[in-house]
Amino acid sequence: MARQSPPQSRKPPSTRTAHLWVSHLMTFAFGAFAGIMIAQTGWETPQTVSSPSPQPSPQTTSAVAGRIRQLEEHLSHAPNDVEGRIQLGNAYYDTEKYESAIIHYGRALELNPRNPDVIVDMGIAYRFIGRSDVAAQKFRDALAIDARHVNGRYNLGIVLKWDVKDIPGAIAAWDTLLMYHPNHPNTASIRQQMAEMRNAPGSAAP
């Protein structure tokens, strides 16, 4: 799967799952391969923006930097290695170099455009650099390929609710998420969030 905005867990190579922490005990979805940035479980536990994310140890930072050098060297000789591009994008993401992550996710998608996990991860990176408009479109692009994509739906709802302020759109995204995945681990929280949006004063949400 793809990431879930700050912190979340690790998946098989080339798929990350990390939560993009948003300030209201909500998490973002991300996909993942290499050492997951902020993550530790399949769906990542929610983390608030107010709590600082754990800082990597010097050893971890050094290891990731070494991995980046290895991948850069490898890709200088094998530029069309899709998996290598994804791993390098993940490594840059994990060191918070989101612009570089976007570049390598983009190159991976030039070689294999129908990878919703990478598209979602790219969307998360865009959200981290303040481009929530692009992030929302990336999540929609991923869902056009895989309508059941868990992190794509979840993250779309997060961005629409908190960043774009499209409350009906956020509710629709999460309604569809729970239709496809009724046993999602955050079901109770999602339902509560939707109820609050629907019951907010002046809300025109369905």
Protein backbone atom coordinates (compact mmCIF):
# COMPACT_ATOMS: atom_id res chain seq x y z
CA MET A 1 0.00 0.00 0.00
CA ALA A 2 0.97 3.56 -0.08
CA ARG A 3 1.91 5.75 2.82
CA GLN A 4 -0.41 7.36 5.21
CA SER A 5 0.90 10.65 6.25
CA PRO A 6 3.24 10.76 9.17
CA PRO A 7 4.02 7.90 10.87
CA GLN A 8 3.10 4.52 9.69
CA SER A 9 4.27 1.08 8.92
CA ARG A 10 6.29 -0.83 6.54
CA LYS A 11 5.14 -2.93 3.67
CA PRO A 12 6.83 -5.16 1.12
CA PRO A 13 9.46 -3.52 -1.08
CA SER A 14 8.14 -0.59 -3.00
CA THR A 15 5.05 -0.10 -0.92
CA ARG A 16 5.00 2.11 2.06
CA THR A 17 2.32 2.79 4.58
CA ALA A 18 2.79 5.79 6.78
CA HIS A 19 0.41 8.31 8.26
CA LEU A 20 0.70 11.94 7.54
CA TRP A 21 -0.02 13.29 10.93
CA VAL A 22 -2.54 16.04 10.88
CA SER A 23 -3.34 18.18 13.82
CA HIS A 24 -6.50 16.50 14.92
CA LEU A 25 -5.50 13.00 15.89
CA MET A 26 -5.84 12.06 12.25
CA THR A 27 -3.22 10.24 10.25
CA PHE A 28 -2.24 10.31 6.64
CA ALA A 29 -1.74 7.30 4.50
CA PHE A 30 1.50 6.54 2.84
CA GLY A 31 3.05 3.54 1.15
CA ALA A 32 6.56 2.38 1.87
CA PHE A 33 9.67 0.33 1.30
CA ALA A 34 12.91 1.38 2.85
CA GLY A 35 12.96 2.39 6.50
CA ILE A 36 9.60 3.93 6.90
CA MET A 37 9.59 7.42 7.98
CA ILE A 38 7.44 7.70 10.99
CA ALA A 39 5.82 4.41 11.07
CA GLN A 40 5.59 1.19 12.70
CA THR A 41 2.51 -0.81 11.92
CA GLY A 42 0.47 -1.76 8.98
CA TRP A 43 -1.79 1.21 9.31
CA GLU A 44 0.25 3.49 11.53
CA THR A 45 -1.20 4.81 14.66
CA PRO A 46 -2.57 8.31 14.61
CA GLN A 47 -0.18 11.00 15.66
CA THR A 48 -0.96 14.62 16.32
CA VAL A 49 0.81 17.52 14.78
CA SER A 50 1.36 18.96 18.19
CA SER A 51 3.58 16.05 19.22
CA PRO A 52 6.98 16.21 17.57
CA SER A 53 7.78 13.18 15.45
CA PRO A 54 10.64 11.04 16.76
CA GLN A 55 14.00 12.19 15.46
CA PRO A 56 16.15 9.56 13.75
CA SER A 57 19.32 8.58 15.56
CA PRO A 58 22.66 9.65 14.06
CA GLN A 59 23.24 6.01 13.13
CA THR A 60 19.92 5.84 11.28
CA THR A 61 20.57 9.13 9.51
CA SER A 62 24.01 7.94 8.48
CA ALA A 63 22.62 4.63 7.24
CA VAL A 64 19.97 6.37 5.12
CA ALA A 65 22.54 8.80 3.73
CA GLY A 66 24.71 5.84 2.78
CA ARG A 67 21.74 4.15 1.16
CA ILE A 68 21.02 7.29 -0.84
CA ARG A 69 24.61 7.39 -2.11
CA GLN A 70 24.43 3.72 -3.11
CA LEU A 71 21.15 4.20 -4.95
CA GLU A 72 22.34 7.36 -6.71
CA GLU A 73 25.43 5.49 -7.88
CA HIS A 74 23.38 2.49 -8.99
CA LEU A 75 20.90 4.65 -10.90
CA SER A 76 23.69 6.51 -12.67
CA HIS A 77 24.36 3.17 -14.40
CA ALA A 78 20.78 1.84 -14.46
CA PRO A 79 18.51 4.90 -14.81
CA ASN A 80 15.50 2.80 -15.79
CA ASP A 81 15.47 0.66 -12.64
CA VAL A 82 11.95 1.39 -11.40
CA GLU A 83 12.43 -0.26 -8.01
CA GLY A 84 15.66 1.64 -7.48
CA ARG A 85 13.87 4.90 -8.24
CA ILE A 86 11.13 4.08 -5.74
CA GLN A 87 13.64 3.14 -3.06
CA LEU A 88 15.56 6.35 -3.62
CA GLY A 89 12.35 8.36 -3.44
CA ASN A 90 11.50 6.63 -0.16
CA ALA A 91 14.96 7.33 1.24
CA TYR A 92 14.69 11.01 0.39
CA TYR A 93 11.20 11.08 1.89
CA ASP A 94 12.51 9.53 5.09
CA THR A 95 15.13 12.28 5.36
CA GLU A 96 12.43 14.92 4.76
CA LYS A 97 13.87 15.90 1.37
CA TYR A 98 10.44 15.88 -0.18
CA GLU A 99 11.31 17.72 -3.39
CA SER A 100 13.95 15.09 -4.18
CA ALA A 101 11.49 12.32 -3.28
CA ILE A 102 8.98 13.81 -5.73
CA ILE A 103 11.59 13.86 -8.50
CA HIS A 104 12.39 10.17 -8.13
CA TYR A 105 8.79 9.08 -7.63
CA GLY A 106 8.05 10.99 -10.82
CA ARG A 107 10.79 9.19 -12.71
CA ALA A 108 9.53 5.85 -11.44
CA LEU A 109 6.06 6.74 -12.68
CA GLU A 110 7.40 7.71 -16.09
CA LEU A 111 8.60 4.11 -16.34
CA ASN A 112 5.53 2.54 -14.70
CA PRO A 113 2.65 5.04 -14.58
CA ARG A 114 0.09 2.64 -13.13
CA ASN A 115 1.50 2.25 -9.64
CA PRO A 116 -1.03 3.73 -7.20
CA ASP A 117 1.24 3.22 -4.18
CA VAL A 118 3.93 5.46 -5.64
CA ILE A 119 1.34 8.01 -6.76
CA VAL A 120 -0.02 8.22 -3.20
CA ASP A 121 3.48 8.52 -1.75
CA MET A 122 4.15 11.33 -4.20
CA GLY A 123 0.94 13.00 -3.10
CA ILE A 124 2.02 12.83 0.53
CA ALA A 125 5.35 14.44 -0.36
CA TYR A 126 3.52 17.24 -2.16
CA ARG A 127 1.38 17.80 0.91
CA PHE A 128 4.50 18.17 3.04
CA ILE A 129 5.76 21.01 0.83
CA GLY A 130 2.45 22.82 1.07
CA ARG A 131 0.92 21.70 -2.23
CA SER A 132 -2.28 20.18 -0.95
CA ASP A 133 -3.98 20.90 -4.27
CA VAL A 134 -1.50 18.68 -6.09
CA ALA A 135 -1.66 16.10 -3.29
CA ALA A 136 -5.44 15.78 -3.64
CA GLN A 137 -5.11 15.31 -7.40
CA LYS A 138 -2.45 12.63 -6.92
CA PHE A 139 -4.74 10.73 -4.56
CA ARG A 140 -7.53 10.96 -7.15
CA ASP A 141 -5.12 9.73 -9.83
CA ALA A 142 -4.27 6.71 -7.66
CA LEU A 143 -7.96 6.00 -7.06
CA ALA A 144 -8.62 6.12 -10.80
CA ILE A 145 -6.26 3.14 -11.05
CA ASP A 146 -7.43 1.35 -7.89
CA ALA A 147 -10.75 2.56 -6.49
CA ARG A 148 -10.27 0.45 -3.35
CA HIS A 149 -6.86 1.90 -2.49
CA VAL A 150 -6.99 2.34 1.29
CA ASN A 151 -4.41 5.05 1.79
CA GLY A 152 -5.49 6.92 -1.31
CA ARG A 153 -9.06 7.25 0.02
CA TYR A 154 -7.97 8.00 3.55
CA ASN A 155 -5.48 10.67 2.57
CA LEU A 156 -7.89 12.26 0.14
CA GLY A 157 -10.35 12.71 2.98
CA ILE A 158 -7.64 14.22 5.20
CA VAL A 159 -6.56 16.78 2.60
CA LEU A 160 -10.11 17.68 1.62
CA LYS A 161 -11.16 18.17 5.23
CA TRP A 162 -8.20 19.97 6.76
CA ASP A 163 -6.50 21.69 3.83
CA VAL A 164 -9.03 22.25 1.04
CA LYS A 165 -11.98 22.64 3.43
CA ASP A 166 -14.17 20.59 1.10
CA ILE A 167 -16.31 18.95 3.78
CA PRO A 168 -18.77 17.17 1.44
CA GLY A 169 -15.81 15.84 -0.53
CA ALA A 170 -14.08 14.59 2.61
CA ILE A 171 -17.23 12.82 3.78
CA ALA A 172 -17.69 11.22 0.37
CA ALA A 173 -14.08 10.00 0.37
CA TRP A 174 -14.41 8.42 3.80
CA ASP A 175 -17.87 7.00 3.14
CA THR A 176 -16.43 5.19 0.14
CA LEU A 177 -13.40 4.09 2.17
CA LEU A 178 -15.62 2.44 4.77
CA MET A 179 -17.82 0.92 2.08
CA TYR A 180 -14.79 -0.88 0.66
CA HIS A 181 -13.04 -1.45 4.00
CA PRO A 182 -15.64 -1.69 6.79
CA ASN A 183 -13.07 -3.18 9.17
CA HIS A 184 -10.54 -0.42 8.74
CA PRO A 185 -8.70 0.02 12.07
CA ASN A 186 -9.65 3.70 12.25
CA THR A 187 -13.34 3.12 11.51
CA ALA A 188 -14.57 4.52 14.83
CA SER A 189 -12.48 7.68 14.50
CA ILE A 190 -13.50 8.18 10.88
CA ARG A 191 -17.19 7.80 11.71
CA GLN A 192 -16.85 10.27 14.57
CA GLN A 193 -15.11 12.77 12.29
CA MET A 194 -17.86 12.42 9.69
CA ALA A 195 -20.59 12.86 12.30
CA GLU A 196 -18.92 16.04 13.56
CA MET A 197 -18.69 17.42 10.03
CA ARG A 198 -22.34 16.63 9.33
CA ASN A 199 -23.50 18.15 12.62
CA ALA A 200 -21.37 21.28 12.48
CA PRO A 201 -23.38 24.55 12.55
CA GLY A 202 -24.28 25.63 9.06
CA SER A 203 -23.03 22.39 7.56
CA ALA A 204 -24.42 21.47 4.17
CA ALA A 205 -22.69 18.10 4.30
CA PRO A 206 -24.82 15.13 3.20
